[in-house]
Amino acid sequence: MNAQSLHDDAIVIDGLIIAKWGRELLEDMRRGGLTAANCTVSVWEGFQATVDNIVETNALLAACDDLVRPVHTTADITRAKEEGKTGIIYGFQNAHAFEDQIGYVEVFK
């Protein structure tokens, strides 16, 4: 098996991407052969700003559904691989968005 075949067959996950999201970046993920990526939706934002980021990212994913699919379960990662798409996992860099409200954890879940 050569390197390209190995990469084509592998599940490749980038565990941390902090970026300005757009179609061009999602196209780069596909060209790079990413199966899935943990994409940051909250660094130091509070609750409302994080919700706004999620709404904006949801709209981008819907507009780019030829390239990506949301990931909610491990099966979604496999499905992304089968579809030739990159699975997008939403990630947080800290707990600032919870604003000391334990109930916000459930909201983001």
N, C-alpha and C. Protein backbone atom coordinates (compact mmCIF):
# COMPACT_ATOMS: atom_id res chain seq x y z
N MET A 1 0.85 -1.18 0.00
CA MET A 1 0.00 0.00 0.00
C MET A 1 0.90 1.24 0.00
N ASN A 2 0.64 2.16 -0.91
CA ASN A 2 1.43 3.39 -0.94
C ASN A 2 0.82 4.44 -0.02
N ALA A 3 1.52 5.56 0.15
CA ALA A 3 1.09 6.60 1.09
C ALA A 3 -0.27 7.16 0.72
N GLN A 4 -0.52 7.38 -0.57
CA GLN A 4 -1.82 7.94 -1.00
C GLN A 4 -2.96 6.98 -0.68
N SER A 5 -2.75 5.69 -0.93
CA SER A 5 -3.78 4.70 -0.62
C SER A 5 -4.05 4.63 0.87
N LEU A 6 -2.98 4.70 1.66
CA LEU A 6 -3.13 4.67 3.11
C LEU A 6 -3.94 5.88 3.58
N HIS A 7 -3.61 7.06 3.08
CA HIS A 7 -4.34 8.28 3.46
C HIS A 7 -5.80 8.21 3.00
N ASP A 8 -6.03 7.73 1.79
CA ASP A 8 -7.39 7.62 1.26
C ASP A 8 -8.24 6.68 2.10
N ASP A 9 -7.62 5.66 2.67
CA ASP A 9 -8.34 4.65 3.46
C ASP A 9 -8.51 5.05 4.93
N ALA A 10 -7.69 5.96 5.41
CA ALA A 10 -7.65 6.31 6.83
C ALA A 10 -8.79 7.25 7.23
N ILE A 11 -9.15 7.20 8.49
CA ILE A 11 -10.00 8.20 9.11
C ILE A 11 -9.05 9.27 9.66
N VAL A 12 -9.10 10.48 9.09
CA VAL A 12 -8.19 11.55 9.47
C VAL A 12 -8.99 12.65 10.15
N ILE A 13 -8.68 12.92 11.43
CA ILE A 13 -9.41 13.91 12.20
C ILE A 13 -8.44 14.98 12.70
N ASP A 14 -8.77 16.23 12.40
CA ASP A 14 -8.01 17.36 12.95
C ASP A 14 -8.70 17.73 14.26
N GLY A 15 -7.99 17.63 15.36
CA GLY A 15 -8.58 17.82 16.68
C GLY A 15 -8.78 19.26 17.12
N LEU A 16 -8.26 20.23 16.36
CA LEU A 16 -8.43 21.61 16.78
C LEU A 16 -8.23 22.57 15.61
N ILE A 17 -9.31 23.18 15.19
CA ILE A 17 -9.22 24.21 14.16
C ILE A 17 -9.91 25.46 14.69
N ILE A 18 -9.12 26.52 14.80
CA ILE A 18 -9.66 27.84 15.12
C ILE A 18 -9.41 28.67 13.88
N ALA A 19 -10.47 29.16 13.26
CA ALA A 19 -10.28 29.86 11.99
C ALA A 19 -11.45 30.79 11.71
N LYS A 20 -11.29 31.59 10.69
CA LYS A 20 -12.39 32.36 10.15
C LYS A 20 -13.04 31.47 9.10
N TRP A 21 -14.24 31.02 9.38
CA TRP A 21 -14.90 30.01 8.56
C TRP A 21 -15.41 30.60 7.25
N GLY A 22 -15.28 29.82 6.21
CA GLY A 22 -15.80 30.18 4.91
C GLY A 22 -15.68 29.00 3.98
N ARG A 23 -16.31 29.10 2.84
CA ARG A 23 -16.30 27.99 1.88
C ARG A 23 -14.88 27.60 1.47
N GLU A 24 -14.02 28.59 1.27
CA GLU A 24 -12.66 28.29 0.83
C GLU A 24 -11.93 27.40 1.83
N LEU A 25 -12.10 27.67 3.11
CA LEU A 25 -11.47 26.84 4.14
C LEU A 25 -12.04 25.42 4.11
N LEU A 26 -13.35 25.30 3.94
CA LEU A 26 -13.97 23.97 3.88
C LEU A 26 -13.50 23.21 2.64
N GLU A 27 -13.29 23.91 1.53
CA GLU A 27 -12.74 23.28 0.33
C GLU A 27 -11.32 22.78 0.59
N ASP A 28 -10.52 23.57 1.32
CA ASP A 28 -9.16 23.14 1.67
C ASP A 28 -9.19 21.87 2.53
N MET A 29 -10.14 21.79 3.44
CA MET A 29 -10.27 20.59 4.27
C MET A 29 -10.51 19.36 3.40
N ARG A 30 -11.39 19.49 2.42
CA ARG A 30 -11.67 18.37 1.52
C ARG A 30 -10.45 18.01 0.70
N ARG A 31 -9.79 19.01 0.14
CA ARG A 31 -8.59 18.74 -0.66
C ARG A 31 -7.51 18.05 0.18
N GLY A 32 -7.46 18.40 1.45
CA GLY A 32 -6.47 17.80 2.34
C GLY A 32 -6.85 16.41 2.82
N GLY A 33 -8.05 15.98 2.51
CA GLY A 33 -8.48 14.63 2.88
C GLY A 33 -8.92 14.48 4.32
N LEU A 34 -9.34 15.57 4.96
CA LEU A 34 -9.83 15.46 6.34
C LEU A 34 -11.17 14.72 6.36
N THR A 35 -11.25 13.72 7.22
CA THR A 35 -12.52 13.03 7.41
C THR A 35 -13.42 13.84 8.33
N ALA A 36 -12.82 14.43 9.36
CA ALA A 36 -13.57 15.24 10.32
C ALA A 36 -12.63 16.26 10.96
N ALA A 37 -13.25 17.29 11.53
CA ALA A 37 -12.48 18.33 12.19
C ALA A 37 -13.26 18.89 13.36
N ASN A 38 -12.55 19.09 14.48
CA ASN A 38 -13.13 19.74 15.65
C ASN A 38 -12.95 21.25 15.44
N CYS A 39 -14.05 21.93 15.15
CA CYS A 39 -14.01 23.34 14.77
C CYS A 39 -14.53 24.21 15.92
N THR A 40 -13.71 25.14 16.33
CA THR A 40 -14.02 25.97 17.49
C THR A 40 -15.14 26.95 17.19
N VAL A 41 -16.16 26.95 18.04
CA VAL A 41 -17.26 27.92 17.95
C VAL A 41 -17.26 28.88 19.13
N SER A 42 -16.37 28.64 20.11
CA SER A 42 -16.30 29.52 21.26
C SER A 42 -14.91 29.47 21.87
N VAL A 43 -14.29 30.64 22.00
CA VAL A 43 -13.01 30.76 22.69
C VAL A 43 -13.27 31.51 23.99
N TRP A 44 -13.44 32.83 23.91
CA TRP A 44 -13.72 33.65 25.09
C TRP A 44 -15.11 34.27 25.04
N GLU A 45 -15.91 33.90 24.05
CA GLU A 45 -17.25 34.47 23.92
C GLU A 45 -18.14 34.02 25.08
N GLY A 46 -19.08 34.89 25.43
CA GLY A 46 -20.11 34.52 26.40
C GLY A 46 -21.19 33.70 25.73
N PHE A 47 -22.26 33.46 26.49
CA PHE A 47 -23.34 32.60 26.01
C PHE A 47 -23.93 33.11 24.69
N GLN A 48 -24.40 34.36 24.66
CA GLN A 48 -25.08 34.85 23.47
C GLN A 48 -24.17 34.90 22.25
N ALA A 49 -22.94 35.35 22.42
CA ALA A 49 -22.01 35.40 21.28
C ALA A 49 -21.70 34.00 20.76
N THR A 50 -21.63 33.02 21.65
CA THR A 50 -21.40 31.64 21.22
C THR A 50 -22.60 31.12 20.45
N VAL A 51 -23.81 31.40 20.94
CA VAL A 51 -25.02 31.00 20.20
C VAL A 51 -25.00 31.64 18.81
N ASP A 52 -24.63 32.92 18.74
CA ASP A 52 -24.55 33.60 17.45
C ASP A 52 -23.54 32.91 16.53
N ASN A 53 -22.39 32.51 17.07
CA ASN A 53 -21.39 31.79 16.28
C ASN A 53 -21.94 30.48 15.75
N ILE A 54 -22.67 29.77 16.59
CA ILE A 54 -23.25 28.49 16.18
C ILE A 54 -24.28 28.70 15.07
N VAL A 55 -25.13 29.71 15.21
CA VAL A 55 -26.13 30.01 14.18
C VAL A 55 -25.44 30.32 12.86
N GLU A 56 -24.39 31.14 12.91
CA GLU A 56 -23.65 31.51 11.70
C GLU A 56 -22.97 30.29 11.07
N THR A 57 -22.39 29.44 11.91
CA THR A 57 -21.72 28.25 11.40
C THR A 57 -22.72 27.25 10.84
N ASN A 58 -23.87 27.11 11.49
CA ASN A 58 -24.92 26.24 10.95
C ASN A 58 -25.32 26.68 9.54
N ALA A 59 -25.46 27.99 9.34
CA ALA A 59 -25.83 28.51 8.02
C ALA A 59 -24.74 28.20 6.99
N LEU A 60 -23.48 28.36 7.38
CA LEU A 60 -22.38 28.05 6.47
C LEU A 60 -22.39 26.57 6.11
N LEU A 61 -22.57 25.70 7.08
CA LEU A 61 -22.59 24.26 6.80
C LEU A 61 -23.74 23.90 5.87
N ALA A 62 -24.88 24.52 6.07
CA ALA A 62 -26.03 24.25 5.19
C ALA A 62 -25.72 24.71 3.76
N ALA A 63 -25.05 25.86 3.63
CA ALA A 63 -24.71 26.38 2.30
C ALA A 63 -23.62 25.56 1.62
N CYS A 64 -22.84 24.82 2.41
CA CYS A 64 -21.72 24.04 1.88
C CYS A 64 -21.93 22.54 2.10
N ASP A 65 -23.17 22.10 2.07
CA ASP A 65 -23.45 20.70 2.37
C ASP A 65 -22.92 19.73 1.31
N ASP A 66 -22.41 20.27 0.21
CA ASP A 66 -21.73 19.41 -0.76
C ASP A 66 -20.32 19.05 -0.29
N LEU A 67 -19.80 19.79 0.68
CA LEU A 67 -18.44 19.58 1.19
C LEU A 67 -18.39 18.98 2.59
N VAL A 68 -19.38 19.32 3.41
CA VAL A 68 -19.32 18.98 4.83
C VAL A 68 -20.65 18.42 5.33
N ARG A 69 -20.55 17.80 6.49
CA ARG A 69 -21.76 17.36 7.20
C ARG A 69 -21.52 17.54 8.69
N PRO A 70 -22.55 17.89 9.45
CA PRO A 70 -22.37 18.01 10.89
C PRO A 70 -22.13 16.63 11.52
N VAL A 71 -21.37 16.61 12.59
CA VAL A 71 -21.11 15.38 13.32
C VAL A 71 -21.75 15.46 14.69
N HIS A 72 -22.61 14.49 14.97
CA HIS A 72 -23.25 14.37 16.29
C HIS A 72 -22.88 13.05 16.96
N THR A 73 -22.49 12.06 16.15
CA THR A 73 -22.12 10.74 16.66
C THR A 73 -20.90 10.25 15.88
N THR A 74 -20.27 9.20 16.38
CA THR A 74 -19.14 8.62 15.65
C THR A 74 -19.58 8.07 14.30
N ALA A 75 -20.80 7.61 14.20
CA ALA A 75 -21.31 7.11 12.91
C ALA A 75 -21.33 8.22 11.86
N ASP A 76 -21.53 9.46 12.29
CA ASP A 76 -21.50 10.59 11.35
C ASP A 76 -20.11 10.77 10.74
N ILE A 77 -19.07 10.44 11.48
CA ILE A 77 -17.71 10.55 10.95
C ILE A 77 -17.52 9.52 9.84
N THR A 78 -17.95 8.31 10.08
CA THR A 78 -17.87 7.26 9.06
C THR A 78 -18.70 7.65 7.84
N ARG A 79 -19.88 8.19 8.09
CA ARG A 79 -20.76 8.60 6.99
C ARG A 79 -20.09 9.70 6.16
N ALA A 80 -19.45 10.65 6.81
CA ALA A 80 -18.74 11.71 6.09
C ALA A 80 -17.68 11.10 5.18
N LYS A 81 -16.93 10.13 5.69
CA LYS A 81 -15.89 9.46 4.89
C LYS A 81 -16.51 8.80 3.67
N GLU A 82 -17.61 8.08 3.88
CA GLU A 82 -18.29 7.39 2.78
C GLU A 82 -18.82 8.36 1.73
N GLU A 83 -19.25 9.53 2.16
CA GLU A 83 -19.82 10.53 1.26
C GLU A 83 -18.77 11.42 0.60
N GLY A 84 -17.51 11.28 1.01
CA GLY A 84 -16.46 12.14 0.48
C GLY A 84 -16.56 13.57 1.00
N LYS A 85 -17.07 13.71 2.22
CA LYS A 85 -17.22 15.01 2.86
C LYS A 85 -16.36 15.07 4.12
N THR A 86 -16.25 16.25 4.69
CA THR A 86 -15.59 16.42 5.98
C THR A 86 -16.66 16.61 7.04
N GLY A 87 -16.59 15.83 8.09
CA GLY A 87 -17.51 15.97 9.21
C GLY A 87 -17.05 17.11 10.11
N ILE A 88 -18.00 17.93 10.54
CA ILE A 88 -17.67 19.08 11.39
C ILE A 88 -18.20 18.83 12.80
N ILE A 89 -17.27 18.85 13.75
CA ILE A 89 -17.57 18.69 15.17
C ILE A 89 -17.41 20.07 15.81
N TYR A 90 -18.42 20.55 16.50
CA TYR A 90 -18.29 21.85 17.18
C TYR A 90 -17.51 21.68 18.47
N GLY A 91 -16.56 22.60 18.69
CA GLY A 91 -15.74 22.52 19.88
C GLY A 91 -15.66 23.86 20.61
N PHE A 92 -15.39 23.78 21.89
CA PHE A 92 -15.21 24.93 22.76
C PHE A 92 -13.77 24.92 23.26
N GLN A 93 -13.16 26.07 23.41
CA GLN A 93 -11.80 26.15 23.93
C GLN A 93 -11.76 26.33 25.44
N ASN A 94 -12.85 26.70 26.04
CA ASN A 94 -12.95 26.79 27.50
C ASN A 94 -14.43 26.84 27.86
N ALA A 95 -14.72 27.05 29.11
CA ALA A 95 -16.11 27.02 29.58
C ALA A 95 -16.71 28.42 29.74
N HIS A 96 -16.07 29.44 29.18
CA HIS A 96 -16.54 30.81 29.35
C HIS A 96 -17.99 30.99 28.89
N ALA A 97 -18.39 30.31 27.82
CA ALA A 97 -19.75 30.45 27.27
C ALA A 97 -20.83 29.99 28.26
N PHE A 98 -20.46 29.20 29.26
CA PHE A 98 -21.45 28.71 30.22
C PHE A 98 -21.82 29.75 31.27
N GLU A 99 -20.98 30.79 31.41
CA GLU A 99 -21.27 31.92 32.30
C GLU A 99 -21.73 31.50 33.69
N ASP A 100 -21.12 30.49 34.24
CA ASP A 100 -21.47 30.00 35.59
C ASP A 100 -22.90 29.50 35.69
N GLN A 101 -23.50 29.15 34.57
CA GLN A 101 -24.86 28.62 34.55
C GLN A 101 -24.80 27.16 34.09
N ILE A 102 -24.89 26.23 35.01
CA ILE A 102 -24.75 24.83 34.67
C ILE A 102 -25.81 24.40 33.63
N GLY A 103 -26.95 25.04 33.63
CA GLY A 103 -27.98 24.72 32.64
C GLY A 103 -27.57 25.02 31.22
N TYR A 104 -26.62 25.92 31.02
CA TYR A 104 -26.14 26.24 29.67
C TYR A 104 -25.40 25.05 29.05
N VAL A 105 -24.83 24.21 29.89
CA VAL A 105 -24.15 23.01 29.38
C VAL A 105 -25.17 22.17 28.59
N GLU A 106 -26.34 21.98 29.15
CA GLU A 106 -27.39 21.21 28.47
C GLU A 106 -27.85 21.90 27.19
N VAL A 107 -27.94 23.20 27.21
CA VAL A 107 -28.35 23.95 26.01
C VAL A 107 -27.35 23.68 24.87
N PHE A 108 -26.06 23.74 25.17
CA PHE A 108 -25.07 23.53 24.12
C PHE A 108 -24.95 22.07 23.71
N LYS A 109 -25.30 21.17 24.62
CA LYS A 109 -25.27 19.74 24.26
C LYS A 109 -26.20 19.49 23.11
